[in-house]
Amino acid sequence: AATGVAVRAGYSIRERIHPFVNWLDRGRFRRLRLALFRRTYLKILYVTFQIVCSTSFTLDVTFPDIFANYLEFLNVLTFDMFGTISLGCVKLGIPTYLVYILISSIVPLIVMGMIWAVYAARVTFAKRLSKRQKEEMKQQHIGYTMMITYLVLPTVSQVQFKGLNCLTLDSGKMYLRVDTAVECSSSSFDYQLLLMLTMPLIFVYQMIPVMYWYALEHSRAKLDPPMQDSVRAYEKRAKDRSVAHLRF
């Protein structure tokens, strides 16, 4: 009952705010918003920042202090918030970096689970919605899920693959580059545990690009309508709600 009240209250608040937002988002404000906050531009900038922030570790290079400080400032855009948590003084019984991997990998999955829990609640308590409205609601939550994967995939993948990156010392022994307390050998329990837990997570996250490919291939005809007039084809695609979630 409480969930139903919360859902109905959310709908009521949205219906009251929506006219004001539409009134505000017009004229010069709308043109300014479209110029500065267009999704395409923001996504390109975001991915570029993530790539630049990862170059220091990936290429194993040391940048000048001024550029290194600039990258550290931009590092907030990588969503690697858990890497700033100090766990070195806490006895966890498992490698510290493995904790970072688990947190970075599992938290986005929990968020996506919450998104679909909200969808289930909306469908359950919104019985008056038509089949078309329910389908639009489903597409909306698919879009939210894809947006989350888009935001976290580069960072989470980097965190995971760092757990496989070992360095060799002059003695011939190999240690984990990000946590030299872990020896990279078949006799090391910590390293074997790290591999056992990290490899399935790597598989799950590397299936995300495969999911993108399948979604695009499945909707290929709708995304690129077979029409000679490119303007009409674009308008037809823009009106097709079945591919709305792919515009995230």
C-alpha atoms as a PDB file:
ATOM      1  CA  ALA A   1       0.000   0.000   0.000  1.00  0.00           C
ATOM      2  CA  ALA A   2       2.816   2.399   0.879  1.00  0.00           C
ATOM      3  CA  THR A   3       4.517   1.711  -2.458  1.00  0.00           C
ATOM      4  CA  GLY A   4       1.277   2.457  -4.322  1.00  0.00           C
ATOM      5  CA  VAL A   5       0.852   5.771  -2.477  1.00  0.00           C
ATOM      6  CA  ALA A   6       4.476   6.718  -3.297  1.00  0.00           C
ATOM      7  CA  VAL A   7       4.015   5.894  -6.996  1.00  0.00           C
ATOM      8  CA  ARG A   8       0.774   7.901  -7.222  1.00  0.00           C
ATOM      9  CA  ALA A   9       2.390  10.817  -5.390  1.00  0.00           C
ATOM     10  CA  GLY A  10       5.275  10.736  -7.850  1.00  0.00           C
ATOM     11  CA  TYR A  11       2.883  10.878 -10.791  1.00  0.00           C
ATOM     12  CA  SER A  12       0.995  13.783  -9.191  1.00  0.00           C
ATOM     13  CA  ILE A  13       4.184  15.792  -8.586  1.00  0.00           C
ATOM     14  CA  ARG A  14       5.395  15.154 -12.129  1.00  0.00           C
ATOM     15  CA  GLU A  15       2.088  16.304 -13.628  1.00  0.00           C
ATOM     16  CA  ARG A  16       2.214  19.539 -11.639  1.00  0.00           C
ATOM     17  CA  ILE A  17       5.842  20.343 -12.447  1.00  0.00           C
ATOM     18  CA  HIS A  18       5.714  19.375 -16.133  1.00  0.00           C
ATOM     19  CA  PRO A  19       3.790  22.508 -17.357  1.00  0.00           C
ATOM     20  CA  PHE A  20       6.223  24.803 -15.523  1.00  0.00           C
ATOM     21  CA  VAL A  21       9.235  23.015 -17.030  1.00  0.00           C
ATOM     22  CA  ASN A  22       7.705  23.318 -20.509  1.00  0.00           C
ATOM     23  CA  TRP A  23       7.049  27.024 -19.957  1.00  0.00           C
ATOM     24  CA  LEU A  24      10.620  27.591 -18.789  1.00  0.00           C
ATOM     25  CA  ASP A  25      12.194  25.514 -21.587  1.00  0.00           C
ATOM     26  CA  ARG A  26      11.332  27.753 -24.513  1.00  0.00           C
ATOM     27  CA  GLY A  27      12.751  30.602 -26.557  1.00  0.00           C
ATOM     28  CA  ARG A  28      16.325  31.568 -25.739  1.00  0.00           C
ATOM     29  CA  PHE A  29      16.553  29.220 -22.771  1.00  0.00           C
ATOM     30  CA  ARG A  30      15.708  26.262 -24.995  1.00  0.00           C
ATOM     31  CA  ARG A  31      18.230  27.296 -27.665  1.00  0.00           C
ATOM     32  CA  LEU A  32      20.902  27.747 -24.995  1.00  0.00           C
ATOM     33  CA  ARG A  33      20.122  24.350 -23.460  1.00  0.00           C
ATOM     34  CA  LEU A  34      20.260  22.620 -26.829  1.00  0.00           C
ATOM     35  CA  ALA A  35      23.564  24.320 -27.657  1.00  0.00           C
ATOM     36  CA  LEU A  36      25.308  23.527 -24.350  1.00  0.00           C
ATOM     37  CA  PHE A  37      23.705  20.307 -23.154  1.00  0.00           C
ATOM     38  CA  ARG A  38      23.013  18.301 -26.284  1.00  0.00           C
ATOM     39  CA  ARG A  39      23.267  14.625 -25.420  1.00  0.00           C
ATOM     40  CA  THR A  40      25.550  13.824 -28.343  1.00  0.00           C
ATOM     41  CA  TYR A  41      28.120  16.436 -27.330  1.00  0.00           C
ATOM     42  CA  LEU A  42      28.000  15.507 -23.659  1.00  0.00           C
ATOM     43  CA  LYS A  43      28.476  11.800 -24.369  1.00  0.00           C
ATOM     44  CA  ILE A  44      31.471  12.466 -26.635  1.00  0.00           C
ATOM     45  CA  LEU A  45      33.054  14.769 -24.036  1.00  0.00           C
ATOM     46  CA  TYR A  46      32.409  12.303 -21.239  1.00  0.00           C
ATOM     47  CA  VAL A  47      34.042   9.376 -23.051  1.00  0.00           C
ATOM     48  CA  THR A  48      36.967  11.580 -24.102  1.00  0.00           C
ATOM     49  CA  PHE A  49      37.566  12.618 -20.484  1.00  0.00           C
ATOM     50  CA  GLN A  50      37.487   8.998 -19.365  1.00  0.00           C
ATOM     51  CA  ILE A  51      40.022   7.966 -21.997  1.00  0.00           C
ATOM     52  CA  VAL A  52      42.340  10.873 -21.129  1.00  0.00           C
ATOM     53  CA  CYS A  53      42.114  10.126 -17.386  1.00  0.00           C
ATOM     54  CA  SER A  54      43.054   6.476 -17.950  1.00  0.00           C
ATOM     55  CA  THR A  55      46.087   7.107 -20.168  1.00  0.00           C
ATOM     56  CA  SER A  56      48.531   7.557 -17.282  1.00  0.00           C
ATOM     57  CA  PHE A  57      47.987   4.052 -15.919  1.00  0.00           C
ATOM     58  CA  THR A  58      47.292   2.366 -19.255  1.00  0.00           C
ATOM     59  CA  LEU A  59      50.415   3.685 -20.979  1.00  0.00           C
ATOM     60  CA  ASP A  60      52.522   3.652 -17.787  1.00  0.00           C
ATOM     61  CA  VAL A  61      53.730   7.211 -18.305  1.00  0.00           C
ATOM     62  CA  THR A  62      54.283  10.141 -15.960  1.00  0.00           C
ATOM     63  CA  PHE A  63      52.825  13.438 -17.111  1.00  0.00           C
ATOM     64  CA  PRO A  64      54.024  16.920 -16.065  1.00  0.00           C
ATOM     65  CA  ASP A  65      52.594  18.097 -12.753  1.00  0.00           C
ATOM     66  CA  ILE A  66      50.241  20.664 -14.271  1.00  0.00           C
ATOM     67  CA  PHE A  67      48.685  18.102 -16.625  1.00  0.00           C
ATOM     68  CA  ALA A  68      48.626  15.428 -13.909  1.00  0.00           C
ATOM     69  CA  ASN A  69      46.706  17.834 -11.643  1.00  0.00           C
ATOM     70  CA  TYR A  70      44.311  18.538 -14.496  1.00  0.00           C
ATOM     71  CA  LEU A  71      43.692  14.795 -14.949  1.00  0.00           C
ATOM     72  CA  GLU A  72      43.163  14.397 -11.216  1.00  0.00           C
ATOM     73  CA  PHE A  73      40.534  17.150 -11.378  1.00  0.00           C
ATOM     74  CA  LEU A  74      38.789  15.408 -14.275  1.00  0.00           C
ATOM     75  CA  ASN A  75      38.987  12.031 -12.551  1.00  0.00           C
ATOM     76  CA  VAL A  76      35.672  12.767 -10.825  1.00  0.00           C
ATOM     77  CA  LEU A  77      34.041  12.170 -14.234  1.00  0.00           C
ATOM     78  CA  THR A  78      35.194   8.545 -14.248  1.00  0.00           C
ATOM     79  CA  PHE A  79      32.878   7.577 -11.358  1.00  0.00           C
ATOM     80  CA  ASP A  80      35.848   5.853  -9.700  1.00  0.00           C
ATOM     81  CA  MET A  81      34.690   7.129  -6.308  1.00  0.00           C
ATOM     82  CA  PHE A  82      35.537   3.882  -4.537  1.00  0.00           C
ATOM     83  CA  GLY A  83      39.209   4.116  -5.454  1.00  0.00           C
ATOM     84  CA  THR A  84      39.513   7.061  -3.067  1.00  0.00           C
ATOM     85  CA  ILE A  85      38.396   4.981  -0.069  1.00  0.00           C
ATOM     86  CA  SER A  86      41.345   3.931   2.098  1.00  0.00           C
ATOM     87  CA  LEU A  87      41.027   0.335   3.251  1.00  0.00           C
ATOM     88  CA  GLY A  88      44.688  -0.393   3.762  1.00  0.00           C
ATOM     89  CA  CYS A  89      44.408  -0.310   7.573  1.00  0.00           C
ATOM     90  CA  VAL A  90      41.328  -2.527   7.693  1.00  0.00           C
ATOM     91  CA  LYS A  91      41.765  -6.288   8.025  1.00  0.00           C
ATOM     92  CA  LEU A  92      39.255  -7.705   5.569  1.00  0.00           C
ATOM     93  CA  GLY A  93      40.633 -11.191   5.061  1.00  0.00           C
ATOM     94  CA  ILE A  94      40.727 -10.667   1.291  1.00  0.00           C
ATOM     95  CA  PRO A  95      42.954  -8.478  -0.909  1.00  0.00           C
ATOM     96  CA  THR A  96      42.118  -4.775  -0.573  1.00  0.00           C
ATOM     97  CA  TYR A  97      41.959  -4.243  -4.313  1.00  0.00           C
ATOM     98  CA  LEU A  98      39.497  -7.102  -4.644  1.00  0.00           C
ATOM     99  CA  VAL A  99      37.157  -5.093  -2.419  1.00  0.00           C
ATOM    100  CA  TYR A 100      37.462  -2.156  -4.825  1.00  0.00           C
ATOM    101  CA  ILE A 101      36.643  -4.454  -7.736  1.00  0.00           C
ATOM    102  CA  LEU A 102      33.600  -5.910  -5.991  1.00  0.00           C
ATOM    103  CA  ILE A 103      32.243  -2.508  -4.954  1.00  0.00           C
ATOM    104  CA  SER A 104      32.814  -0.925  -8.368  1.00  0.00           C
ATOM    105  CA  SER A 105      31.242  -3.899 -10.153  1.00  0.00           C
ATOM    106  CA  ILE A 106      28.295  -4.713  -7.910  1.00  0.00           C
ATOM    107  CA  VAL A 107      26.998  -1.214  -7.067  1.00  0.00           C
ATOM    108  CA  PRO A 108      25.977  -0.427 -10.706  1.00  0.00           C
ATOM    109  CA  LEU A 109      24.224  -3.809 -10.881  1.00  0.00           C
ATOM    110  CA  ILE A 110      22.290  -2.925  -7.727  1.00  0.00           C
ATOM    111  CA  VAL A 111      21.315   0.444  -9.220  1.00  0.00           C
ATOM    112  CA  MET A 112      20.047  -1.269 -12.370  1.00  0.00           C
ATOM    113  CA  GLY A 113      18.148  -3.740 -10.225  1.00  0.00           C
ATOM    114  CA  MET A 114      16.493  -0.813  -8.433  1.00  0.00           C
ATOM    115  CA  ILE A 115      15.522   0.706 -11.785  1.00  0.00           C
ATOM    116  CA  TRP A 116      13.662  -2.463 -12.733  1.00  0.00           C
ATOM    117  CA  ALA A 117      12.149  -2.771  -9.265  1.00  0.00           C
ATOM    118  CA  VAL A 118      10.657   0.692  -9.786  1.00  0.00           C
ATOM    119  CA  TYR A 119       9.407  -0.431 -13.207  1.00  0.00           C
ATOM    120  CA  ALA A 120       7.726  -3.477 -11.656  1.00  0.00           C
ATOM    121  CA  ALA A 121       6.085  -1.251  -9.026  1.00  0.00           C
ATOM    122  CA  ARG A 122       4.880   1.211 -11.668  1.00  0.00           C
ATOM    123  CA  VAL A 123       3.374  -1.547 -13.799  1.00  0.00           C
ATOM    124  CA  THR A 124       1.748  -3.183 -10.786  1.00  0.00           C
ATOM    125  CA  PHE A 125       0.067  -0.065  -9.442  1.00  0.00           C
ATOM    126  CA  ALA A 126      -0.634   1.710 -12.741  1.00  0.00           C
ATOM    127  CA  LYS A 127      -3.413  -0.624 -13.851  1.00  0.00           C
ATOM    128  CA  ARG A 128      -5.244   2.026 -15.868  1.00  0.00           C
ATOM    129  CA  LEU A 129      -2.415   2.458 -18.332  1.00  0.00           C
ATOM    130  CA  SER A 130      -2.943   1.199 -21.859  1.00  0.00           C
ATOM    131  CA  LYS A 131      -0.730  -1.391 -23.482  1.00  0.00           C
ATOM    132  CA  ARG A 132       1.027   1.347 -25.449  1.00  0.00           C
ATOM    133  CA  GLN A 133       1.721   3.373 -22.309  1.00  0.00           C
ATOM    134  CA  LYS A 134       3.135   0.311 -20.554  1.00  0.00           C
ATOM    135  CA  GLU A 135       5.396  -0.345 -23.549  1.00  0.00           C
ATOM    136  CA  GLU A 136       6.614   3.261 -23.447  1.00  0.00           C
ATOM    137  CA  MET A 137       7.288   2.854 -19.732  1.00  0.00           C
ATOM    138  CA  LYS A 138       9.310  -0.278 -20.455  1.00  0.00           C
ATOM    139  CA  GLN A 139      11.330   1.511 -23.150  1.00  0.00           C
ATOM    140  CA  GLN A 140      11.991   4.320 -20.670  1.00  0.00           C
ATOM    141  CA  HIS A 141      13.488   1.973 -18.101  1.00  0.00           C
ATOM    142  CA  ILE A 142      15.538   0.209 -20.781  1.00  0.00           C
ATOM    143  CA  GLY A 143      16.941   3.628 -21.643  1.00  0.00           C
ATOM    144  CA  TYR A 144      17.833   4.283 -17.994  1.00  0.00           C
ATOM    145  CA  THR A 145      19.604   0.920 -17.822  1.00  0.00           C
ATOM    146  CA  MET A 146      21.594   1.602 -20.970  1.00  0.00           C
ATOM    147  CA  MET A 147      22.556   5.018 -19.676  1.00  0.00           C
ATOM    148  CA  ILE A 148      23.927   3.512 -16.450  1.00  0.00           C
ATOM    149  CA  THR A 149      25.955   0.952 -18.402  1.00  0.00           C
ATOM    150  CA  TYR A 150      27.281   3.692 -20.679  1.00  0.00           C
ATOM    151  CA  LEU A 151      28.434   5.786 -17.725  1.00  0.00           C
ATOM    152  CA  VAL A 152      30.122   3.044 -15.696  1.00  0.00           C
ATOM    153  CA  LEU A 153      31.433   0.581 -18.299  1.00  0.00           C
ATOM    154  CA  PRO A 154      34.788   2.303 -19.047  1.00  0.00           C
ATOM    155  CA  THR A 155      35.643   2.881 -15.386  1.00  0.00           C
ATOM    156  CA  VAL A 156      34.499  -0.496 -14.097  1.00  0.00           C
ATOM    157  CA  SER A 157      36.338  -2.289 -16.918  1.00  0.00           C
ATOM    158  CA  GLN A 158      39.536  -0.432 -16.077  1.00  0.00           C
ATOM    159  CA  VAL A 159      39.204  -1.281 -12.373  1.00  0.00           C
ATOM    160  CA  GLN A 160      38.629  -4.941 -13.229  1.00  0.00           C
ATOM    161  CA  PHE A 161      41.519  -5.258 -15.671  1.00  0.00           C
ATOM    162  CA  LYS A 162      43.874  -3.565 -13.221  1.00  0.00           C
ATOM    163  CA  GLY A 163      43.320  -6.657 -11.088  1.00  0.00           C
ATOM    164  CA  LEU A 164      45.002  -8.728 -13.804  1.00  0.00           C
ATOM    165  CA  ASN A 165      47.984  -6.433 -14.369  1.00  0.00           C
ATOM    166  CA  CYS A 166      51.126  -7.806 -12.732  1.00  0.00           C
ATOM    167  CA  LEU A 167      54.680  -6.470 -12.723  1.00  0.00           C
ATOM    168  CA  THR A 168      57.873  -8.536 -12.629  1.00  0.00           C
ATOM    169  CA  LEU A 169      60.645  -7.595 -10.186  1.00  0.00           C
ATOM    170  CA  ASP A 170      64.362  -8.230 -10.617  1.00  0.00           C
ATOM    171  CA  SER A 171      63.974 -11.301  -8.426  1.00  0.00           C
ATOM    172  CA  GLY A 172      61.669 -12.828 -11.034  1.00  0.00           C
ATOM    173  CA  LYS A 173      58.610 -12.742  -8.806  1.00  0.00           C
ATOM    174  CA  MET A 174      55.426 -11.111 -10.047  1.00  0.00           C
ATOM    175  CA  TYR A 175      53.161  -8.904  -7.967  1.00  0.00           C
ATOM    176  CA  LEU A 176      49.908  -7.144  -8.632  1.00  0.00           C
ATOM    177  CA  ARG A 177      50.735  -3.674  -9.869  1.00  0.00           C
ATOM    178  CA  VAL A 178      47.979  -1.895  -7.912  1.00  0.00           C
ATOM    179  CA  ASP A 179      48.464  -3.989  -4.759  1.00  0.00           C
ATOM    180  CA  THR A 180      51.974  -5.338  -4.314  1.00  0.00           C
ATOM    181  CA  ALA A 181      50.871  -7.343  -1.282  1.00  0.00           C
ATOM    182  CA  VAL A 182      49.365  -9.827  -3.753  1.00  0.00           C
ATOM    183  CA  GLU A 183      51.797 -12.155  -5.501  1.00  0.00           C
ATOM    184  CA  CYS A 184      50.766 -13.225  -8.993  1.00  0.00           C
ATOM    185  CA  SER A 185      51.390 -16.939  -8.754  1.00  0.00           C
ATOM    186  CA  SER A 186      49.382 -20.145  -8.722  1.00  0.00           C
ATOM    187  CA  SER A 187      50.448 -20.747  -5.111  1.00  0.00           C
ATOM    188  CA  SER A 188      48.995 -17.429  -3.894  1.00  0.00           C
ATOM    189  CA  PHE A 189      45.530 -17.862  -2.391  1.00  0.00           C
ATOM    190  CA  ASP A 190      44.808 -14.125  -2.612  1.00  0.00           C
ATOM    191  CA  TYR A 191      45.614 -14.020  -6.327  1.00  0.00           C
ATOM    192  CA  GLN A 192      43.574 -17.132  -7.073  1.00  0.00           C
ATOM    193  CA  LEU A 193      40.625 -15.671  -5.133  1.00  0.00           C
ATOM    194  CA  LEU A 194      40.967 -12.417  -7.043  1.00  0.00           C
ATOM    195  CA  LEU A 195      40.897 -14.262 -10.369  1.00  0.00           C
ATOM    196  CA  MET A 196      37.972 -16.455  -9.328  1.00  0.00           C
ATOM    197  CA  LEU A 197      35.796 -13.453  -8.430  1.00  0.00           C
ATOM    198  CA  THR A 198      36.999 -10.972 -11.031  1.00  0.00           C
ATOM    199  CA  MET A 199      36.806 -13.086 -14.200  1.00  0.00           C
ATOM    200  CA  PRO A 200      32.986 -13.633 -14.028  1.00  0.00           C
ATOM    201  CA  LEU A 201      32.506  -9.899 -13.412  1.00  0.00           C
ATOM    202  CA  ILE A 202      34.707  -9.091 -16.394  1.00  0.00           C
ATOM    203  CA  PHE A 203      32.577 -11.429 -18.520  1.00  0.00           C
ATOM    204  CA  VAL A 204      29.356  -9.743 -17.354  1.00  0.00           C
ATOM    205  CA  TYR A 205      30.584  -6.237 -18.147  1.00  0.00           C
ATOM    206  CA  GLN A 206      32.172  -7.182 -21.470  1.00  0.00           C
ATOM    207  CA  MET A 207      28.795  -8.526 -22.549  1.00  0.00           C
ATOM    208  CA  ILE A 208      27.441  -4.966 -22.399  1.00  0.00           C
ATOM    209  CA  PRO A 209      28.930  -3.987 -25.804  1.00  0.00           C
ATOM    210  CA  VAL A 210      27.459  -7.225 -27.163  1.00  0.00           C
ATOM    211  CA  MET A 211      24.086  -6.086 -25.797  1.00  0.00           C
ATOM    212  CA  TYR A 212      24.542  -2.748 -27.577  1.00  0.00           C
ATOM    213  CA  TRP A 213      25.333  -4.535 -30.831  1.00  0.00           C
ATOM    214  CA  TYR A 214      22.303  -6.812 -30.522  1.00  0.00           C
ATOM    215  CA  ALA A 215      19.976  -3.884 -29.759  1.00  0.00           C
ATOM    216  CA  LEU A 216      21.245  -1.939 -32.766  1.00  0.00           C
ATOM    217  CA  GLU A 217      21.187  -4.952 -35.084  1.00  0.00           C
ATOM    218  CA  HIS A 218      17.693  -5.924 -33.936  1.00  0.00           C
ATOM    219  CA  SER A 219      16.404  -2.403 -34.664  1.00  0.00           C
ATOM    220  CA  ARG A 220      18.518  -1.825 -37.766  1.00  0.00           C
ATOM    221  CA  ALA A 221      15.579  -1.395 -40.154  1.00  0.00           C
ATOM    222  CA  LYS A 222      13.902   1.091 -37.796  1.00  0.00           C
ATOM    223  CA  LEU A 223      17.066   3.090 -37.189  1.00  0.00           C
ATOM    224  CA  ASP A 224      17.828   3.285 -40.907  1.00  0.00           C
ATOM    225  CA  PRO A 225      14.449   3.169 -42.694  1.00  0.00           C
ATOM    226  CA  PRO A 226      14.753   2.048 -46.347  1.00  0.00           C
ATOM    227  CA  MET A 227      13.613   5.366 -47.811  1.00  0.00           C
ATOM    228  CA  GLN A 228      15.239   7.465 -50.506  1.00  0.00           C
ATOM    229  CA  ASP A 229      14.273  10.738 -48.833  1.00  0.00           C
ATOM    230  CA  SER A 230      16.699  11.001 -45.911  1.00  0.00           C
ATOM    231  CA  VAL A 231      14.675  13.770 -44.239  1.00  0.00           C
ATOM    232  CA  ARG A 232      11.498  11.675 -44.203  1.00  0.00           C
ATOM    233  CA  ALA A 233      13.490   8.671 -43.018  1.00  0.00           C
ATOM    234  CA  TYR A 234      14.874  10.699 -40.129  1.00  0.00           C
ATOM    235  CA  GLU A 235      11.403  11.982 -39.212  1.00  0.00           C
ATOM    236  CA  LYS A 236      10.008   8.456 -39.288  1.00  0.00           C
ATOM    237  CA  ARG A 237      12.769   7.224 -36.974  1.00  0.00           C
ATOM    238  CA  ALA A 238      12.236  10.163 -34.601  1.00  0.00           C
ATOM    239  CA  LYS A 239       8.539   9.278 -34.261  1.00  0.00           C
ATOM    240  CA  ASP A 240       9.150   5.566 -33.743  1.00  0.00           C
ATOM    241  CA  ARG A 241       8.746   5.030 -29.992  1.00  0.00           C
ATOM    242  CA  SER A 242      10.008   1.437 -30.184  1.00  0.00           C
ATOM    243  CA  VAL A 243      13.584   2.739 -30.595  1.00  0.00           C
ATOM    244  CA  ALA A 244      13.262   5.658 -28.176  1.00  0.00           C
ATOM    245  CA  HIS A 245      15.419   3.879 -25.567  1.00  0.00           C
ATOM    246  CA  LEU A 246      18.343   3.805 -28.010  1.00  0.00           C
ATOM    247  CA  ARG A 247      18.558   7.616 -27.893  1.00  0.00           C
ATOM    248  CA  PHE A 248      19.909   7.571 -24.319  1.00  0.00           C
END
